Amino acid sequence: AQKRSVRRLLEAAGAALRPTVPSLFSFLLHRPEASGLQGLEGLAVPDARVELVGSDVPAARGPVLVTHGGISGPAVLRLSAWGAYALNESGYKAQLNINFAPSLQDHGEVAQAMLAVPAGRPGLRPPVRRKAVGDVSPWPGALPARLWQRLLQRVDSDDEAVAEITAAGPSSQRNSALAIHQRPWGAFGQAKAAEALARAVWPHMSSFRVAVDGRRTNKEEFVTAGGVDWQYLNWENMELLSCPGVHFAGETVDVDGITGGFNFQGCWSMGYAAGVAASEAFLDPAEGATKR
């Protein structure tokens, strides 16, 4: 549908065409070294929520992967599909907001999880008091320790937050001389101290913002959005409503799904429906005679 001659032919038959744009691609970040994610390449978060700031494109949730110079994973690919046209119009420049803990509601739940680290959980987790707070994630398996430490390091850069955390914890000259992520878990075994740290780290956990400055190229996109507008098709047989006998399937239609085999299934299902309908238009099932 991208060739002018084919486009004219289809439009003359009554088909409405949407322009084709890449879909299902990873994001490249503006100045990766300043994104806050440098050094975390290969890190995967099993459950995160990503959204384009200032856009009406629906947010996406799922696994996220930090790559060399960018960010990927099922959640990002899904967001790129929902925002294929919006991202194309912006030149693939946008502000991306990442919630690394979408299952948590507020900093109060963060404080409760933090208190469980030095206290331990009978039968599940032994008490952790001497290890550095940045070395042990309160959510093992959900929030990687390397990412947890990076979020705490962001708190370290806020002098006011560090002062509040220090004031809320037990008085210790040795602890106060350490960066937040280097202090022992035992320093956060009291509710007041855990609450102060949770309040400071929560904005970084729930609203980690990075600048998108492009997409992966070199034909790394999975599918293409655009093609024949589905509203002009009979979905029972994939026939063009304005021109009986003309059928469409696969990526010629403006339908693209998320990862997980949905695009393959869509092509197979549309191809089957279109093929059966086209064959029945020529062959009489009862007599086997060709229809004219």
Protein backbone atom coordinates (compact mmCIF):
# COMPACT_ATOMS: atom_id res chain seq x y z
CA ALA A 1 0.00 0.00 0.00
CA GLN A 2 3.03 2.27 0.15
CA LYS A 3 3.45 2.40 -3.68
CA ARG A 4 1.60 5.27 -5.29
CA SER A 5 0.09 3.13 -8.05
CA VAL A 6 -1.25 0.60 -5.55
CA ARG A 7 -2.50 3.40 -3.31
CA ARG A 8 -4.42 5.00 -6.19
CA LEU A 9 -5.89 1.64 -7.16
CA LEU A 10 -7.09 0.90 -3.62
CA GLU A 11 -8.46 4.38 -3.05
CA ALA A 12 -10.36 4.16 -6.34
CA ALA A 13 -11.93 0.94 -5.03
CA GLY A 14 -13.10 2.79 -1.94
CA ALA A 15 -10.43 1.71 0.55
CA ALA A 16 -9.24 4.29 3.08
CA LEU A 17 -5.54 4.02 3.84
CA ARG A 18 -3.70 5.11 6.95
CA PRO A 19 0.00 5.97 6.56
CA THR A 20 2.40 3.26 7.61
CA VAL A 21 4.67 3.86 10.62
CA PRO A 22 6.93 1.54 12.68
CA SER A 23 5.40 -0.23 15.66
CA LEU A 24 6.77 -2.43 18.45
CA PHE A 25 10.24 -0.96 18.93
CA SER A 26 12.63 -0.16 21.77
CA PHE A 27 13.41 3.38 22.91
CA LEU A 28 16.75 5.16 22.74
CA LEU A 29 17.48 7.61 25.54
CA HIS A 30 18.81 11.15 25.32
CA ARG A 31 22.23 11.26 26.97
CA PRO A 32 22.09 7.75 28.48
CA GLU A 33 24.97 8.64 30.79
CA ALA A 34 22.73 11.23 32.47
CA SER A 35 19.53 9.18 32.48
CA GLY A 36 20.21 7.57 35.83
CA LEU A 37 20.21 4.13 34.22
CA GLN A 38 23.82 3.96 33.04
CA GLY A 39 25.60 0.93 34.44
CA LEU A 40 22.34 -1.01 34.76
CA GLU A 41 22.46 -2.49 31.26
CA GLY A 42 20.90 -5.95 31.19
CA LEU A 43 18.82 -5.29 34.30
CA ALA A 44 15.22 -6.50 34.06
CA VAL A 45 12.27 -5.38 36.15
CA PRO A 46 9.48 -7.99 35.95
CA ASP A 47 6.65 -5.52 36.54
CA ALA A 48 6.75 -1.81 35.69
CA ARG A 49 4.37 0.80 34.33
CA VAL A 50 5.49 3.12 31.52
CA GLU A 51 3.72 6.13 30.06
CA LEU A 52 4.41 9.04 27.75
CA VAL A 53 4.25 12.28 29.73
CA GLY A 54 1.68 14.78 28.46
CA SER A 55 0.13 12.30 26.02
CA ASP A 56 -3.26 10.58 25.87
CA VAL A 57 -1.58 7.34 24.79
CA PRO A 58 -2.60 4.63 27.28
CA ALA A 59 0.10 3.57 29.73
CA ALA A 60 1.52 0.06 29.45
CA ARG A 61 2.49 -2.37 32.18
CA GLY A 62 4.79 -5.37 32.16
CA PRO A 63 8.48 -6.33 32.19
CA VAL A 64 11.05 -3.64 31.37
CA LEU A 65 14.66 -4.17 30.30
CA VAL A 66 17.50 -1.63 30.49
CA THR A 67 19.61 -1.84 27.33
CA HIS A 68 22.79 -0.20 26.11
CA GLY A 69 21.66 3.34 25.44
CA GLY A 70 17.99 2.70 25.88
CA ILE A 71 15.10 0.79 27.37
CA SER A 72 13.07 -2.13 26.07
CA GLY A 73 10.92 -5.04 27.21
CA PRO A 74 7.28 -6.04 26.66
CA ALA A 75 5.90 -2.94 28.44
CA VAL A 76 7.94 -0.58 26.24
CA LEU A 77 7.07 -2.50 23.07
CA ARG A 78 3.39 -2.36 23.99
CA LEU A 79 3.63 1.39 24.62
CA SER A 80 5.32 1.89 21.25
CA ALA A 81 2.39 0.11 19.59
CA TRP A 82 -0.25 2.20 21.36
CA GLY A 83 1.74 5.37 20.61
CA ALA A 84 3.05 4.50 17.15
CA TYR A 85 1.52 7.57 15.46
CA ALA A 86 2.09 9.98 18.36
CA LEU A 87 5.76 9.00 18.59
CA ASN A 88 6.20 9.25 14.83
CA GLU A 89 4.72 12.76 14.81
CA SER A 90 7.08 13.86 17.61
CA GLY A 91 10.14 12.54 15.82
CA TYR A 92 10.45 9.87 18.53
CA LYS A 93 11.24 12.45 21.19
CA ALA A 94 9.26 12.24 24.41
CA GLN A 95 9.41 12.17 28.19
CA LEU A 96 8.95 8.67 29.53
CA ASN A 97 7.70 8.11 33.05
CA ILE A 98 8.54 4.75 34.66
CA ASN A 99 6.86 3.37 37.76
CA PHE A 100 9.11 0.57 38.99
CA ALA A 101 6.61 -0.50 41.67
CA PRO A 102 3.09 -0.32 40.17
CA SER A 103 1.76 -2.81 42.71
CA LEU A 104 2.45 -0.36 45.58
CA GLN A 105 0.01 2.44 46.34
CA ASP A 106 2.09 4.90 48.37
CA HIS A 107 5.19 5.39 50.49
CA GLY A 108 3.40 3.84 53.48
CA GLU A 109 3.57 0.42 51.82
CA VAL A 110 7.24 1.06 51.08
CA ALA A 111 7.88 1.75 54.78
CA GLN A 112 6.13 -1.47 55.80
CA ALA A 113 8.26 -3.51 53.40
CA MET A 114 11.41 -1.80 54.67
CA LEU A 115 10.60 -2.57 58.31
CA ALA A 116 10.29 -6.24 57.40
CA VAL A 117 13.95 -6.39 56.27
CA PRO A 118 15.68 -5.78 59.65
CA ALA A 119 12.85 -7.52 61.50
CA GLY A 120 12.74 -10.52 59.20
CA ARG A 121 9.76 -12.64 58.27
CA PRO A 122 9.40 -15.98 60.11
CA GLY A 123 9.79 -18.87 57.71
CA LEU A 124 10.37 -16.56 54.77
CA ARG A 125 13.30 -14.26 55.39
CA PRO A 126 15.89 -13.96 58.18
CA PRO A 127 16.57 -10.55 59.75
CA VAL A 128 19.03 -8.36 57.86
CA ARG A 129 20.63 -5.68 60.03
CA ARG A 130 24.32 -5.33 59.23
CA LYS A 131 24.23 -5.31 55.46
CA ALA A 132 24.03 -1.97 53.67
CA VAL A 133 20.51 -0.87 52.86
CA GLY A 134 21.46 -0.52 49.21
CA ASP A 135 22.66 -4.12 48.98
CA VAL A 136 19.37 -5.78 49.87
CA SER A 137 16.10 -5.02 48.11
CA PRO A 138 12.93 -5.10 50.24
CA TRP A 139 11.24 -6.77 47.23
CA PRO A 140 13.55 -9.59 46.10
CA GLY A 141 12.51 -10.87 42.72
CA ALA A 142 10.41 -7.78 41.99
CA LEU A 143 12.80 -4.85 42.37
CA PRO A 144 16.44 -5.81 41.67
CA ALA A 145 18.97 -4.79 44.33
CA ARG A 146 21.04 -2.88 41.76
CA LEU A 147 18.06 -0.73 40.84
CA TRP A 148 17.07 -0.28 44.50
CA GLN A 149 20.58 0.97 45.22
CA ARG A 150 20.41 3.38 42.27
CA LEU A 151 17.12 4.82 43.56
CA LEU A 152 18.70 5.33 46.99
CA GLN A 153 21.65 7.06 45.36
CA ARG A 154 19.21 9.55 43.92
CA VAL A 155 18.02 10.24 47.44
CA ASP A 156 21.66 10.82 48.41
CA SER A 157 21.77 13.77 46.01
CA ASP A 158 18.98 15.56 47.94
CA ASP A 159 20.63 17.21 50.96
CA GLU A 160 17.30 18.12 52.56
CA ALA A 161 16.00 14.54 52.30
CA VAL A 162 19.26 13.16 53.71
CA ALA A 163 19.01 15.54 56.68
CA GLU A 164 15.44 14.44 57.41
CA ILE A 165 16.36 10.75 57.18
CA THR A 166 19.35 11.25 59.45
CA ALA A 167 17.26 13.12 62.02
CA ALA A 168 14.60 10.40 62.01
CA GLY A 169 17.06 7.54 62.60
CA PRO A 170 18.98 6.50 65.70
CA SER A 171 21.75 8.92 66.58
CA SER A 172 25.02 7.52 65.31
CA GLN A 173 27.94 9.61 64.16
CA ARG A 174 29.21 6.69 62.14
CA ASN A 175 25.93 6.19 60.25
CA SER A 176 25.39 9.89 59.61
CA ALA A 177 28.79 10.04 57.88
CA LEU A 178 27.73 7.36 55.39
CA ALA A 179 25.66 7.84 52.24
CA ILE A 180 22.08 6.62 52.63
CA HIS A 181 22.60 3.53 50.48
CA GLN A 182 25.67 2.59 52.56
CA ARG A 183 23.97 2.74 55.98
CA PRO A 184 23.11 -0.58 57.65
CA TRP A 185 19.58 -1.92 57.55
CA GLY A 186 19.56 -1.85 61.34
CA ALA A 187 19.40 1.96 61.17
CA PHE A 188 15.93 1.66 59.61
CA GLY A 189 14.41 -0.83 62.01
CA GLN A 190 12.21 1.84 63.63
CA ALA A 191 9.02 3.13 62.04
CA LYS A 192 10.10 6.78 62.06
CA ALA A 193 13.37 6.08 60.23
CA ALA A 194 11.74 3.73 57.70
CA GLU A 195 8.98 6.27 57.08
CA ALA A 196 11.49 9.04 56.37
CA LEU A 197 13.44 6.95 53.87
CA ALA A 198 10.28 5.61 52.23
CA ARG A 199 8.94 9.14 51.79
CA ALA A 200 12.19 10.20 50.12
CA VAL A 201 12.62 7.22 47.79
CA TRP A 202 8.97 6.81 46.76
CA PRO A 203 8.99 9.58 44.08
CA HIS A 204 12.00 7.94 42.42
CA MET A 205 10.37 4.51 42.52
CA SER A 206 6.99 5.59 41.21
CA SER A 207 7.97 8.38 38.83
CA PHE A 208 11.40 7.78 37.31
CA ARG A 209 11.54 10.09 34.30
CA VAL A 210 13.87 9.73 31.30
CA ALA A 211 14.08 11.53 27.95
CA VAL A 212 13.42 9.42 24.84
CA ASP A 213 15.45 10.58 21.85
CA GLY A 214 14.77 7.98 19.19
CA ARG A 215 13.94 4.37 18.47
CA ARG A 216 15.91 1.30 17.55
CA THR A 217 16.49 1.30 13.80
CA ASN A 218 18.13 -1.06 11.30
CA LYS A 219 14.83 -2.86 10.77
CA GLU A 220 14.55 -3.88 14.41
CA GLU A 221 10.86 -2.98 14.44
CA PHE A 222 8.59 -5.99 14.70
CA VAL A 223 5.55 -4.82 12.73
CA THR A 224 4.13 -1.82 10.91
CA ALA A 225 1.06 0.19 11.88
CA GLY A 226 -1.13 1.58 9.10
CA GLY A 227 -2.66 0.18 5.93
CA VAL A 228 -6.28 -0.37 4.91
CA ASP A 229 -8.64 1.11 7.51
CA TRP A 230 -10.43 -1.80 9.18
CA GLN A 231 -13.67 0.21 9.39
CA TYR A 232 -14.07 -0.23 5.62
CA LEU A 233 -13.86 -4.03 5.79
CA ASN A 234 -16.34 -6.80 6.47
CA TRP A 235 -14.60 -8.64 9.30
CA GLU A 236 -16.39 -11.90 8.63
CA ASN A 237 -14.56 -12.36 5.33
CA MET A 238 -12.06 -9.44 5.21
CA GLU A 239 -13.83 -8.10 2.12
CA LEU A 240 -13.79 -4.44 1.14
CA LEU A 241 -17.33 -3.16 1.73
CA SER A 242 -17.25 -0.84 -1.27
CA CYS A 243 -15.80 -3.40 -3.67
CA PRO A 244 -16.99 -7.02 -3.23
CA GLY A 245 -14.42 -9.58 -4.27
CA VAL A 246 -11.45 -7.62 -2.94
CA HIS A 247 -10.06 -9.05 0.31
CA PHE A 248 -7.23 -8.01 2.62
CA ALA A 249 -5.24 -9.76 5.33
CA GLY A 250 -2.14 -9.42 7.48
CA GLU A 251 -0.14 -6.22 7.55
CA THR A 252 -2.03 -4.76 4.61
CA VAL A 253 -4.72 -4.01 7.21
CA ASP A 254 -4.30 -1.28 9.84
CA VAL A 255 -4.12 -3.78 12.68
CA ASP A 256 -1.03 -4.54 14.75
CA GLY A 257 -0.92 -6.37 18.03
CA ILE A 258 1.44 -6.56 20.98
CA THR A 259 4.22 -9.12 21.31
CA GLY A 260 3.43 -12.70 22.15
CA GLY A 261 2.35 -14.15 18.81
CA PHE A 262 -0.70 -11.94 18.37
CA ASN A 263 0.50 -10.50 15.05
CA PHE A 264 1.15 -13.98 13.63
CA GLN A 265 -2.25 -15.14 14.81
CA GLY A 266 -3.89 -12.05 13.33
CA CYS A 267 -2.27 -12.70 9.94
CA TRP A 268 -3.24 -16.37 9.99
CA SER A 269 -6.82 -15.71 11.05
CA MET A 270 -7.39 -12.88 8.56
CA GLY A 271 -5.71 -14.90 5.80
CA TYR A 272 -7.92 -17.89 6.50
CA ALA A 273 -11.11 -15.79 6.51
CA ALA A 274 -10.12 -13.96 3.33
CA GLY A 275 -8.97 -17.13 1.55
CA VAL A 276 -12.11 -19.11 2.33
CA ALA A 277 -14.34 -16.21 1.28
CA ALA A 278 -12.41 -15.62 -1.94
CA SER A 279 -12.53 -19.32 -2.90
CA GLU A 280 -16.25 -19.54 -2.18
CA ALA A 281 -16.83 -16.56 -4.44
CA PHE A 282 -15.45 -18.57 -7.37
CA LEU A 283 -16.32 -22.15 -6.54
CA ASP A 284 -19.83 -23.45 -5.91
CA PRO A 285 -19.39 -25.79 -2.92
CA ALA A 286 -22.37 -27.94 -4.05
CA GLU A 287 -21.52 -28.46 -7.71
CA GLY A 288 -17.81 -27.63 -7.78
CA ALA A 289 -18.48 -25.33 -10.72
CA THR A 290 -16.67 -22.05 -11.18
CA LYS A 291 -18.92 -19.08 -10.59
CA ARG A 292 -18.93 -16.41 -13.27
